[in-house]
C-alpha atoms as a PDB file:
ATOM      1  CA  UNK A   1      56.342 152.085 119.836  1.00  0.00           C
ATOM      2  CA  UNK A   2      57.777 155.530 120.332  1.00  0.00           C
ATOM      3  CA  UNK A   3      57.719 155.807 124.086  1.00  0.00           C
ATOM      4  CA  UNK A   4      57.152 153.929 127.282  1.00  0.00           C
ATOM      5  CA  UNK A   5      53.560 155.029 127.789  1.00  0.00           C
ATOM      6  CA  UNK A   6      52.390 153.127 124.691  1.00  0.00           C
ATOM      7  CA  UNK A   7      53.548 149.791 126.143  1.00  0.00           C
ATOM      8  CA  UNK A   8      50.678 148.139 128.004  1.00  0.00           C
ATOM      9  CA  UNK A   9      51.933 144.560 127.877  1.00  0.00           C
ATOM     10  CA  UNK A  10      54.896 142.465 126.827  1.00  0.00           C
ATOM     11  CA  UNK A  11      54.968 139.228 124.850  1.00  0.00           C
ATOM     12  CA  UNK A  12      57.098 136.436 126.317  1.00  0.00           C
ATOM     13  CA  UNK A  13      58.886 133.851 124.232  1.00  0.00           C
ATOM     14  CA  UNK A  14      57.396 130.413 124.746  1.00  0.00           C
ATOM     15  CA  UNK A  15      59.170 127.066 124.859  1.00  0.00           C
ATOM     16  CA  UNK A  16      57.150 125.713 121.962  1.00  0.00           C
ATOM     17  CA  UNK A  17      54.164 126.457 119.737  1.00  0.00           C
ATOM     18  CA  UNK A  18      53.102 122.799 119.767  1.00  0.00           C
ATOM     19  CA  UNK A  19      50.209 122.280 122.191  1.00  0.00           C
ATOM     20  CA  UNK A  20      51.428 118.875 123.388  1.00  0.00           C
ATOM     21  CA  UNK A  21      54.866 120.313 124.214  1.00  0.00           C
ATOM     22  CA  UNK A  22      53.249 123.223 126.023  1.00  0.00           C
ATOM     23  CA  UNK A  23      51.369 120.762 128.218  1.00  0.00           C
ATOM     24  CA  UNK A  24      54.620 118.876 128.831  1.00  0.00           C
ATOM     25  CA  UNK A  25      56.285 122.161 129.811  1.00  0.00           C
ATOM     26  CA  UNK A  26      53.390 122.849 132.227  1.00  0.00           C
ATOM     27  CA  UNK A  27      53.672 119.415 133.862  1.00  0.00           C
ATOM     28  CA  UNK A  28      57.476 119.567 134.187  1.00  0.00           C
ATOM     29  CA  UNK A  29      57.392 123.053 135.705  1.00  0.00           C
ATOM     30  CA  UNK A  30      54.581 122.010 138.061  1.00  0.00           C
ATOM     31  CA  UNK A  31      56.597 119.059 139.348  1.00  0.00           C
ATOM     32  CA  UNK A  32      59.728 121.209 139.735  1.00  0.00           C
ATOM     33  CA  UNK A  33      57.775 123.964 141.492  1.00  0.00           C
ATOM     34  CA  UNK A  34      56.088 121.626 143.977  1.00  0.00           C
ATOM     35  CA  UNK A  35      59.386 119.828 144.643  1.00  0.00           C
ATOM     36  CA  UNK A  36      61.150 123.126 145.397  1.00  0.00           C
ATOM     37  CA  UNK A  37      58.378 124.223 147.768  1.00  0.00           C
ATOM     38  CA  UNK A  38      58.389 120.870 149.581  1.00  0.00           C
ATOM     39  CA  UNK A  39      62.188 120.821 149.942  1.00  0.00           C
ATOM     40  CA  UNK A  40      62.389 124.329 151.355  1.00  0.00           C
ATOM     41  CA  UNK A  41      59.439 123.674 153.650  1.00  0.00           C
ATOM     42  CA  UNK A  42      61.205 120.592 155.059  1.00  0.00           C
ATOM     43  CA  UNK A  43      64.455 122.503 155.624  1.00  0.00           C
ATOM     44  CA  UNK A  44      62.564 125.325 157.360  1.00  0.00           C
ATOM     45  CA  UNK A  45      60.647 122.964 159.646  1.00  0.00           C
ATOM     46  CA  UNK A  46      63.718 120.843 160.409  1.00  0.00           C
ATOM     47  CA  UNK A  47      65.614 123.915 161.617  1.00  0.00           C
ATOM     48  CA  UNK A  48      62.642 125.487 163.406  1.00  0.00           C
ATOM     49  CA  UNK A  49      61.718 122.304 165.324  1.00  0.00           C
ATOM     50  CA  UNK A  50      65.249 121.129 166.178  1.00  0.00           C
ATOM     51  CA  UNK A  51      66.614 123.036 169.157  1.00  0.00           C
ATOM     52  CA  UNK A  52      70.322 122.294 168.632  1.00  0.00           C
ATOM     53  CA  UNK A  53      70.081 123.764 165.124  1.00  0.00           C
ATOM     54  CA  UNK A  54      69.196 127.183 166.558  1.00  0.00           C
ATOM     55  CA  UNK A  55      72.629 128.587 165.741  1.00  0.00           C
ATOM     56  CA  UNK A  56      73.761 131.457 163.465  1.00  0.00           C
ATOM     57  CA  UNK A  57      74.627 129.207 160.504  1.00  0.00           C
ATOM     58  CA  UNK A  58      71.201 127.567 160.483  1.00  0.00           C
ATOM     59  CA  UNK A  59      69.462 130.879 161.215  1.00  0.00           C
ATOM     60  CA  UNK A  60      70.820 132.241 157.936  1.00  0.00           C
ATOM     61  CA  UNK A  61      69.987 128.979 156.149  1.00  0.00           C
ATOM     62  CA  UNK A  62      66.423 129.306 157.437  1.00  0.00           C
ATOM     63  CA  UNK A  63      66.312 132.817 155.974  1.00  0.00           C
ATOM     64  CA  UNK A  64      67.284 131.328 152.603  1.00  0.00           C
ATOM     65  CA  UNK A  65      64.519 128.751 152.948  1.00  0.00           C
ATOM     66  CA  UNK A  66      61.968 131.448 153.823  1.00  0.00           C
ATOM     67  CA  UNK A  67      62.936 133.403 150.715  1.00  0.00           C
ATOM     68  CA  UNK A  68      62.679 130.351 148.468  1.00  0.00           C
ATOM     69  CA  UNK A  69      59.544 129.025 150.195  1.00  0.00           C
ATOM     70  CA  UNK A  70      57.404 132.189 150.248  1.00  0.00           C
ATOM     71  CA  UNK A  71      58.752 134.529 147.574  1.00  0.00           C
ATOM     72  CA  UNK A  72      61.379 132.427 145.852  1.00  0.00           C
ATOM     73  CA  UNK A  73      62.569 133.302 142.383  1.00  0.00           C
ATOM     74  CA  UNK A  74      60.927 130.097 141.228  1.00  0.00           C
ATOM     75  CA  UNK A  75      57.577 131.434 142.529  1.00  0.00           C
ATOM     76  CA  UNK A  76      58.104 134.715 140.690  1.00  0.00           C
ATOM     77  CA  UNK A  77      58.512 133.315 137.178  1.00  0.00           C
ATOM     78  CA  UNK A  78      57.335 129.683 137.054  1.00  0.00           C
ATOM     79  CA  UNK A  79      53.574 130.108 137.802  1.00  0.00           C
ATOM     80  CA  UNK A  80      53.168 132.755 135.065  1.00  0.00           C
ATOM     81  CA  UNK A  81      55.073 130.613 132.573  1.00  0.00           C
ATOM     82  CA  UNK A  82      52.902 127.613 133.490  1.00  0.00           C
ATOM     83  CA  UNK A  83      49.720 129.655 133.063  1.00  0.00           C
ATOM     84  CA  UNK A  84      50.846 130.935 129.664  1.00  0.00           C
ATOM     85  CA  UNK A  85      51.581 127.404 128.470  1.00  0.00           C
ATOM     86  CA  UNK A  86      48.289 126.044 129.786  1.00  0.00           C
ATOM     87  CA  UNK A  87      46.223 128.862 128.205  1.00  0.00           C
ATOM     88  CA  UNK A  88      48.395 129.036 125.061  1.00  0.00           C
ATOM     89  CA  UNK A  89      49.138 132.737 125.452  1.00  0.00           C
ATOM     90  CA  UNK A  90      52.338 134.796 125.503  1.00  0.00           C
ATOM     91  CA  UNK A  91      51.345 138.074 127.155  1.00  0.00           C
ATOM     92  CA  UNK A  92      52.284 139.585 130.497  1.00  0.00           C
ATOM     93  CA  UNK A  93      50.977 142.958 131.623  1.00  0.00           C
ATOM     94  CA  UNK A  94      53.289 145.932 132.045  1.00  0.00           C
ATOM     95  CA  UNK A  95      52.655 145.869 135.815  1.00  0.00           C
ATOM     96  CA  UNK A  96      53.242 142.106 135.886  1.00  0.00           C
ATOM     97  CA  UNK A  97      56.583 142.543 134.148  1.00  0.00           C
ATOM     98  CA  UNK A  98      57.590 145.245 136.642  1.00  0.00           C
ATOM     99  CA  UNK A  99      56.615 142.924 139.507  1.00  0.00           C
ATOM    100  CA  UNK A 100      58.622 140.020 138.044  1.00  0.00           C
ATOM    101  CA  UNK A 101      61.749 142.164 137.695  1.00  0.00           C
ATOM    102  CA  UNK A 102      61.359 143.678 141.173  1.00  0.00           C
ATOM    103  CA  UNK A 103      60.830 140.430 143.091  1.00  0.00           C
ATOM    104  CA  UNK A 104      63.376 138.443 141.067  1.00  0.00           C
ATOM    105  CA  UNK A 105      66.116 141.014 141.690  1.00  0.00           C
ATOM    106  CA  UNK A 106      65.113 141.378 145.343  1.00  0.00           C
ATOM    107  CA  UNK A 107      65.371 137.640 145.910  1.00  0.00           C
ATOM    108  CA  UNK A 108      68.629 137.182 144.019  1.00  0.00           C
ATOM    109  CA  UNK A 109      70.207 140.162 145.784  1.00  0.00           C
ATOM    110  CA  UNK A 110      69.072 139.023 149.227  1.00  0.00           C
ATOM    111  CA  UNK A 111      70.152 135.421 148.580  1.00  0.00           C
ATOM    112  CA  UNK A 112      73.652 136.474 147.590  1.00  0.00           C
ATOM    113  CA  UNK A 113      73.913 138.836 150.579  1.00  0.00           C
ATOM    114  CA  UNK A 114      72.944 135.982 152.892  1.00  0.00           C
ATOM    115  CA  UNK A 115      75.497 133.667 151.269  1.00  0.00           C
ATOM    116  CA  UNK A 116      78.182 136.316 151.845  1.00  0.00           C
ATOM    117  CA  UNK A 117      77.164 136.625 155.503  1.00  0.00           C
ATOM    118  CA  UNK A 118      77.247 132.843 155.858  1.00  0.00           C
ATOM    119  CA  UNK A 119      80.847 132.860 154.597  1.00  0.00           C
ATOM    120  CA  UNK A 120      81.711 135.364 157.329  1.00  0.00           C
ATOM    121  CA  UNK A 121      79.931 133.153 159.878  1.00  0.00           C
ATOM    122  CA  UNK A 122      82.034 130.142 158.860  1.00  0.00           C
ATOM    123  CA  UNK A 123      85.203 132.267 158.949  1.00  0.00           C
ATOM    124  CA  UNK A 124      84.528 133.427 162.511  1.00  0.00           C
ATOM    125  CA  UNK A 125      83.501 129.922 163.667  1.00  0.00           C
ATOM    126  CA  UNK A 126      86.685 128.263 162.383  1.00  0.00           C
ATOM    127  CA  UNK A 127      89.309 131.013 162.441  1.00  0.00           C
ATOM    128  CA  UNK A 128      88.182 132.877 165.575  1.00  0.00           C
ATOM    129  CA  UNK A 129      86.269 130.288 167.630  1.00  0.00           C
ATOM    130  CA  UNK A 130      86.915 132.047 170.959  1.00  0.00           C
ATOM    131  CA  UNK A 131      85.198 135.197 169.686  1.00  0.00           C
ATOM    132  CA  UNK A 132      82.356 133.404 167.904  1.00  0.00           C
ATOM    133  CA  UNK A 133      79.659 133.911 170.537  1.00  0.00           C
ATOM    134  CA  UNK A 134      80.558 137.577 170.946  1.00  0.00           C
ATOM    135  CA  UNK A 135      80.686 138.358 167.222  1.00  0.00           C
ATOM    136  CA  UNK A 136      77.757 136.175 166.141  1.00  0.00           C
ATOM    137  CA  UNK A 137      75.297 136.780 168.966  1.00  0.00           C
ATOM    138  CA  UNK A 138      71.565 136.837 168.301  1.00  0.00           C
ATOM    139  CA  UNK A 139      71.391 140.623 167.971  1.00  0.00           C
ATOM    140  CA  UNK A 140      74.238 140.698 165.456  1.00  0.00           C
ATOM    141  CA  UNK A 141      72.661 137.870 163.435  1.00  0.00           C
ATOM    142  CA  UNK A 142      69.282 139.614 163.257  1.00  0.00           C
ATOM    143  CA  UNK A 143      70.968 142.861 162.183  1.00  0.00           C
ATOM    144  CA  UNK A 144      72.969 141.091 159.476  1.00  0.00           C
ATOM    145  CA  UNK A 145      69.902 139.247 158.180  1.00  0.00           C
ATOM    146  CA  UNK A 146      67.912 142.493 158.165  1.00  0.00           C
ATOM    147  CA  UNK A 147      70.791 144.156 156.319  1.00  0.00           C
ATOM    148  CA  UNK A 148      70.686 141.412 153.682  1.00  0.00           C
ATOM    149  CA  UNK A 149      66.938 141.883 153.150  1.00  0.00           C
ATOM    150  CA  UNK A 150      67.271 145.688 153.015  1.00  0.00           C
ATOM    151  CA  UNK A 151      70.173 145.479 150.562  1.00  0.00           C
ATOM    152  CA  UNK A 152      68.029 143.204 148.377  1.00  0.00           C
ATOM    153  CA  UNK A 153      65.221 145.772 148.370  1.00  0.00           C
ATOM    154  CA  UNK A 154      67.635 148.612 147.549  1.00  0.00           C
ATOM    155  CA  UNK A 155      69.223 146.564 144.763  1.00  0.00           C
ATOM    156  CA  UNK A 156      65.825 145.748 143.287  1.00  0.00           C
ATOM    157  CA  UNK A 157      64.407 149.272 143.514  1.00  0.00           C
ATOM    158  CA  UNK A 158      67.528 150.696 141.881  1.00  0.00           C
ATOM    159  CA  UNK A 159      67.417 148.363 138.876  1.00  0.00           C
ATOM    160  CA  UNK A 160      63.649 148.177 138.459  1.00  0.00           C
ATOM    161  CA  UNK A 161      63.153 151.936 138.662  1.00  0.00           C
ATOM    162  CA  UNK A 162      66.053 152.648 136.337  1.00  0.00           C
ATOM    163  CA  UNK A 163      64.959 150.058 133.752  1.00  0.00           C
ATOM    164  CA  UNK A 164      61.311 151.073 133.513  1.00  0.00           C
ATOM    165  CA  UNK A 165      62.165 154.775 133.465  1.00  0.00           C
ATOM    166  CA  UNK A 166      63.611 154.167 129.999  1.00  0.00           C
ATOM    167  CA  UNK A 167      61.462 154.665 126.870  1.00  0.00           C
ATOM    168  CA  UNK A 168      60.622 151.471 124.980  1.00  0.00           C
ATOM    169  CA  UNK A 169      60.739 151.938 121.228  1.00  0.00           C
ATOM    170  CA  UNK A 170      61.833 148.501 120.033  1.00  0.00           C
ATOM    171  CA  UNK A 171      58.525 146.682 120.255  1.00  0.00           C
ATOM    172  CA  UNK A 172      57.233 144.573 123.138  1.00  0.00           C
ATOM    173  CA  UNK A 173      58.514 141.069 122.281  1.00  0.00           C
ATOM    174  CA  UNK A 174      60.763 139.812 125.106  1.00  0.00           C
ATOM    175  CA  UNK A 175      63.136 137.080 123.912  1.00  0.00           C
ATOM    176  CA  UNK A 176      62.774 135.131 127.162  1.00  0.00           C
ATOM    177  CA  UNK A 177      60.052 133.165 128.967  1.00  0.00           C
ATOM    178  CA  UNK A 178      60.047 135.761 131.768  1.00  0.00           C
ATOM    179  CA  UNK A 179      60.859 139.463 132.060  1.00  0.00           C
ATOM    180  CA  UNK A 180      64.622 139.893 132.266  1.00  0.00           C
ATOM    181  CA  UNK A 181      66.566 143.165 132.274  1.00  0.00           C
ATOM    182  CA  UNK A 182      69.070 142.325 129.472  1.00  0.00           C
ATOM    183  CA  UNK A 183      66.182 141.414 127.174  1.00  0.00           C
ATOM    184  CA  UNK A 184      64.165 144.494 128.122  1.00  0.00           C
ATOM    185  CA  UNK A 185      67.165 146.725 127.388  1.00  0.00           C
ATOM    186  CA  UNK A 186      67.046 145.483 123.806  1.00  0.00           C
ATOM    187  CA  UNK A 187      63.602 147.083 123.535  1.00  0.00           C
ATOM    188  CA  UNK A 188      64.684 150.509 124.762  1.00  0.00           C
ATOM    189  CA  UNK A 189      65.807 153.339 122.525  1.00  0.00           C
ATOM    190  CA  UNK A 190      69.431 152.932 121.498  1.00  0.00           C
ATOM    191  CA  UNK A 191      70.486 156.213 123.090  1.00  0.00           C
ATOM    192  CA  UNK A 192      68.669 155.802 126.406  1.00  0.00           C
ATOM    193  CA  UNK A 193      69.979 152.645 128.057  1.00  0.00           C
ATOM    194  CA  UNK A 194      73.445 153.864 129.067  1.00  0.00           C
ATOM    195  CA  UNK A 195      72.297 154.734 132.592  1.00  0.00           C
ATOM    196  CA  UNK A 196      71.140 151.160 133.184  1.00  0.00           C
ATOM    197  CA  UNK A 197      74.403 149.846 131.741  1.00  0.00           C
ATOM    198  CA  UNK A 198      76.191 151.971 134.329  1.00  0.00           C
ATOM    199  CA  UNK A 199      74.019 150.544 137.112  1.00  0.00           C
ATOM    200  CA  UNK A 200      74.664 147.007 135.833  1.00  0.00           C
ATOM    201  CA  UNK A 201      78.414 147.682 135.848  1.00  0.00           C
ATOM    202  CA  UNK A 202      78.153 148.951 139.434  1.00  0.00           C
ATOM    203  CA  UNK A 203      76.237 145.803 140.388  1.00  0.00           C
ATOM    204  CA  UNK A 204      78.846 143.572 138.775  1.00  0.00           C
ATOM    205  CA  UNK A 205      81.512 145.308 140.864  1.00  0.00           C
ATOM    206  CA  UNK A 206      79.508 144.726 144.054  1.00  0.00           C
ATOM    207  CA  UNK A 207      78.906 141.061 143.205  1.00  0.00           C
ATOM    208  CA  UNK A 208      82.588 140.557 142.415  1.00  0.00           C
ATOM    209  CA  UNK A 209      83.470 142.272 145.688  1.00  0.00           C
ATOM    210  CA  UNK A 210      81.226 139.883 147.642  1.00  0.00           C
ATOM    211  CA  UNK A 211      82.597 136.920 145.692  1.00  0.00           C
ATOM    212  CA  UNK A 212      86.195 137.963 146.430  1.00  0.00           C
ATOM    213  CA  UNK A 213      85.269 138.337 150.118  1.00  0.00           C
ATOM    214  CA  UNK A 214      83.857 134.798 150.116  1.00  0.00           C
ATOM    215  CA  UNK A 215      86.964 133.413 148.401  1.00  0.00           C
ATOM    216  CA  UNK A 216      89.321 135.185 150.826  1.00  0.00           C
ATOM    217  CA  UNK A 217      87.251 133.926 153.767  1.00  0.00           C
ATOM    218  CA  UNK A 218      87.601 130.357 152.552  1.00  0.00           C
ATOM    219  CA  UNK A 219      91.318 130.756 151.946  1.00  0.00           C
ATOM    220  CA  UNK A 220      91.663 131.642 155.636  1.00  0.00           C
ATOM    221  CA  UNK A 221      89.279 128.838 156.604  1.00  0.00           C
ATOM    222  CA  UNK A 222      91.247 126.192 154.707  1.00  0.00           C
ATOM    223  CA  UNK A 223      94.503 127.456 156.242  1.00  0.00           C
ATOM    224  CA  UNK A 224      92.986 127.086 159.707  1.00  0.00           C
ATOM    225  CA  UNK A 225      91.569 123.650 158.904  1.00  0.00           C
ATOM    226  CA  UNK A 226      94.963 122.395 157.757  1.00  0.00           C
ATOM    227  CA  UNK A 227      96.390 123.406 161.141  1.00  0.00           C
ATOM    228  CA  UNK A 228      93.871 121.196 162.985  1.00  0.00           C
ATOM    229  CA  UNK A 229      95.911 118.191 164.220  1.00  0.00           C
ATOM    230  CA  UNK A 230      93.249 115.485 163.951  1.00  0.00           C
ATOM    231  CA  UNK A 231      91.752 114.270 160.703  1.00  0.00           C
ATOM    232  CA  UNK A 232      88.364 113.960 162.394  1.00  0.00           C
ATOM    233  CA  UNK A 233      88.524 117.618 163.428  1.00  0.00           C
ATOM    234  CA  UNK A 234      89.376 118.647 159.880  1.00  0.00           C
ATOM    235  CA  UNK A 235      86.477 116.634 158.495  1.00  0.00           C
ATOM    236  CA  UNK A 236      84.032 118.129 161.020  1.00  0.00           C
ATOM    237  CA  UNK A 237      85.124 121.676 160.171  1.00  0.00           C
ATOM    238  CA  UNK A 238      84.893 121.097 156.432  1.00  0.00           C
ATOM    239  CA  UNK A 239      81.492 119.398 156.708  1.00  0.00           C
ATOM    240  CA  UNK A 240      79.938 122.733 157.737  1.00  0.00           C
ATOM    241  CA  UNK A 241      81.683 124.625 154.910  1.00  0.00           C
ATOM    242  CA  UNK A 242      81.384 122.419 151.840  1.00  0.00           C
ATOM    243  CA  UNK A 243      77.575 122.744 151.466  1.00  0.00           C
ATOM    244  CA  UNK A 244      77.834 126.530 151.619  1.00  0.00           C
ATOM    245  CA  UNK A 245      80.751 126.623 149.194  1.00  0.00           C
ATOM    246  CA  UNK A 246      78.845 124.345 146.815  1.00  0.00           C
ATOM    247  CA  UNK A 247      75.780 126.589 146.962  1.00  0.00           C
ATOM    248  CA  UNK A 248      77.871 129.719 146.307  1.00  0.00           C
ATOM    249  CA  UNK A 249      79.506 128.038 143.311  1.00  0.00           C
ATOM    250  CA  UNK A 250      76.104 126.956 141.957  1.00  0.00           C
ATOM    251  CA  UNK A 251      74.634 130.419 142.475  1.00  0.00           C
ATOM    252  CA  UNK A 252      77.516 132.339 140.860  1.00  0.00           C
ATOM    253  CA  UNK A 253      78.203 129.920 137.991  1.00  0.00           C
ATOM    254  CA  UNK A 254      74.549 129.523 136.971  1.00  0.00           C
ATOM    255  CA  UNK A 255      73.941 133.284 137.070  1.00  0.00           C
ATOM    256  CA  UNK A 256      77.114 134.161 135.176  1.00  0.00           C
ATOM    257  CA  UNK A 257      76.516 131.476 132.545  1.00  0.00           C
ATOM    258  CA  UNK A 258      72.887 132.506 132.044  1.00  0.00           C
ATOM    259  CA  UNK A 259      73.697 136.208 131.674  1.00  0.00           C
ATOM    260  CA  UNK A 260      76.560 135.541 129.292  1.00  0.00           C
ATOM    261  CA  UNK A 261      74.178 133.513 127.145  1.00  0.00           C
ATOM    262  CA  UNK A 262      71.480 136.192 127.318  1.00  0.00           C
ATOM    263  CA  UNK A 263      73.611 138.543 125.222  1.00  0.00           C
ATOM    264  CA  UNK A 264      72.937 136.406 122.148  1.00  0.00           C
ATOM    265  CA  UNK A 265      71.140 138.331 119.419  1.00  0.00           C
ATOM    266  CA  UNK A 266      69.402 135.225 118.059  1.00  0.00           C
ATOM    267  CA  UNK A 267      67.396 133.516 120.827  1.00  0.00           C
ATOM    268  CA  UNK A 268      67.141 129.745 120.670  1.00  0.00           C
ATOM    269  CA  UNK A 269      65.752 126.861 122.689  1.00  0.00           C
ATOM    270  CA  UNK A 270      69.160 126.588 124.347  1.00  0.00           C
ATOM    271  CA  UNK A 271      68.867 130.182 125.599  1.00  0.00           C
ATOM    272  CA  UNK A 272      65.520 129.342 127.201  1.00  0.00           C
ATOM    273  CA  UNK A 273      66.924 126.252 128.889  1.00  0.00           C
ATOM    274  CA  UNK A 274      70.015 128.112 130.119  1.00  0.00           C
ATOM    275  CA  UNK A 275      67.800 130.876 131.529  1.00  0.00           C
ATOM    276  CA  UNK A 276      66.237 128.310 133.861  1.00  0.00           C
ATOM    277  CA  UNK A 277      69.566 127.928 135.659  1.00  0.00           C
ATOM    278  CA  UNK A 278      69.816 130.940 137.948  1.00  0.00           C
ATOM    279  CA  UNK A 279      66.149 131.552 138.943  1.00  0.00           C
ATOM    280  CA  UNK A 280      64.975 127.916 139.103  1.00  0.00           C
ATOM    281  CA  UNK A 281      67.962 125.687 139.835  1.00  0.00           C
ATOM    282  CA  UNK A 282      69.226 127.221 143.147  1.00  0.00           C
ATOM    283  CA  UNK A 283      65.856 126.992 145.002  1.00  0.00           C
ATOM    284  CA  UNK A 284      65.741 123.294 144.095  1.00  0.00           C
ATOM    285  CA  UNK A 285      69.377 122.426 144.710  1.00  0.00           C
ATOM    286  CA  UNK A 286      70.086 124.383 147.920  1.00  0.00           C
ATOM    287  CA  UNK A 287      67.889 122.138 150.148  1.00  0.00           C
ATOM    288  CA  UNK A 288      69.267 119.008 148.452  1.00  0.00           C
ATOM    289  CA  UNK A 289      72.883 120.104 148.915  1.00  0.00           C
ATOM    290  CA  UNK A 290      72.405 120.924 152.586  1.00  0.00           C
ATOM    291  CA  UNK A 291      70.343 117.818 153.331  1.00  0.00           C
ATOM    292  CA  UNK A 292      72.809 115.488 151.626  1.00  0.00           C
ATOM    293  CA  UNK A 293      76.087 117.100 152.776  1.00  0.00           C
ATOM    294  CA  UNK A 294      75.229 118.202 156.322  1.00  0.00           C
ATOM    295  CA  UNK A 295      74.828 115.424 158.886  1.00  0.00           C
ATOM    296  CA  UNK A 296      72.921 117.584 161.398  1.00  0.00           C
ATOM    297  CA  UNK A 297      70.360 118.525 158.757  1.00  0.00           C
ATOM    298  CA  UNK A 298      70.115 114.877 157.685  1.00  0.00           C
ATOM    299  CA  UNK A 299      69.397 113.759 161.248  1.00  0.00           C
ATOM    300  CA  UNK A 300      66.851 116.553 161.758  1.00  0.00           C
ATOM    301  CA  UNK A 301      65.074 115.668 158.511  1.00  0.00           C
ATOM    302  CA  UNK A 302      65.053 111.980 159.432  1.00  0.00           C
ATOM    303  CA  UNK A 303      63.439 112.771 162.781  1.00  0.00           C
ATOM    304  CA  UNK A 304      60.949 115.094 161.103  1.00  0.00           C
ATOM    305  CA  UNK A 305      59.911 112.750 158.285  1.00  0.00           C
ATOM    306  CA  UNK A 306      61.083 109.299 159.275  1.00  0.00           C
ATOM    307  CA  UNK A 307      62.511 108.818 155.774  1.00  0.00           C
ATOM    308  CA  UNK A 308      65.481 106.469 155.500  1.00  0.00           C
ATOM    309  CA  UNK A 309      66.801 108.699 152.729  1.00  0.00           C
ATOM    310  CA  UNK A 310      68.191 110.997 155.412  1.00  0.00           C
ATOM    311  CA  UNK A 311      69.713 108.264 157.569  1.00  0.00           C
ATOM    312  CA  UNK A 312      73.073 109.330 158.868  1.00  0.00           C
ATOM    313  CA  UNK A 313      75.994 107.679 157.111  1.00  0.00           C
END
């Protein structure tokens, strides 16, 4: 294909050509998808219906749940992959591929922005408790959340527009089970993808900057926690930080590992499995991490559902 206008659809790499395995893939993804939706719905309702959880930390957590519940990355890629397996097809329309890239990048960008803001929230709460109400008032929280959503849109528009402005002359076979920028760049003309490489490098710098900010925030947090005289006070302070730190580690490590693997020139089943990490794993694990590690969330979920699973330890 000599230029972009000749591409009307892309072909996605499937997990297997065996019909029975395709059905198994459909069932597994269906279970995972429904579980992720249920978990995020429970977290959202627990925060919304529990008055004492109406604080900045849980406001930002609720934003994460809204993203994963309504437009989550798992909702962007899993239903199409399930449909392809069920109907034994590989195709995705050009517009569908654009939509996948746009919403996936929007969600990942907004999620990481919210996680960075949540690190700042924990820093202010523990290191500057006397100024917490002034710095993290409702107006400031709404502005920061809006900024996270807007930055996600800007991030997505920048990458999506830049990627699909390139001419595709390397065929239309995407070596992934969903549309992914590194795989699409392999299909562009060899002399035309440098602009997107520059944008990717800029994005890496921004992500590293946010990650360094989070690390520095937690260095200050741990210093402040160590100065707390009582062991109970230290444990209470850390109990609000460890779930967030765990989620950040999961988010960064899964994304970095998946993108390092995506540079492989010979796609394999392992590449497909690894690619599940950053768009599918966080929406499933974030509610579990917060519900298991945060006592207030556990109590709220127990009151909401009556399940003994969430009984306070």
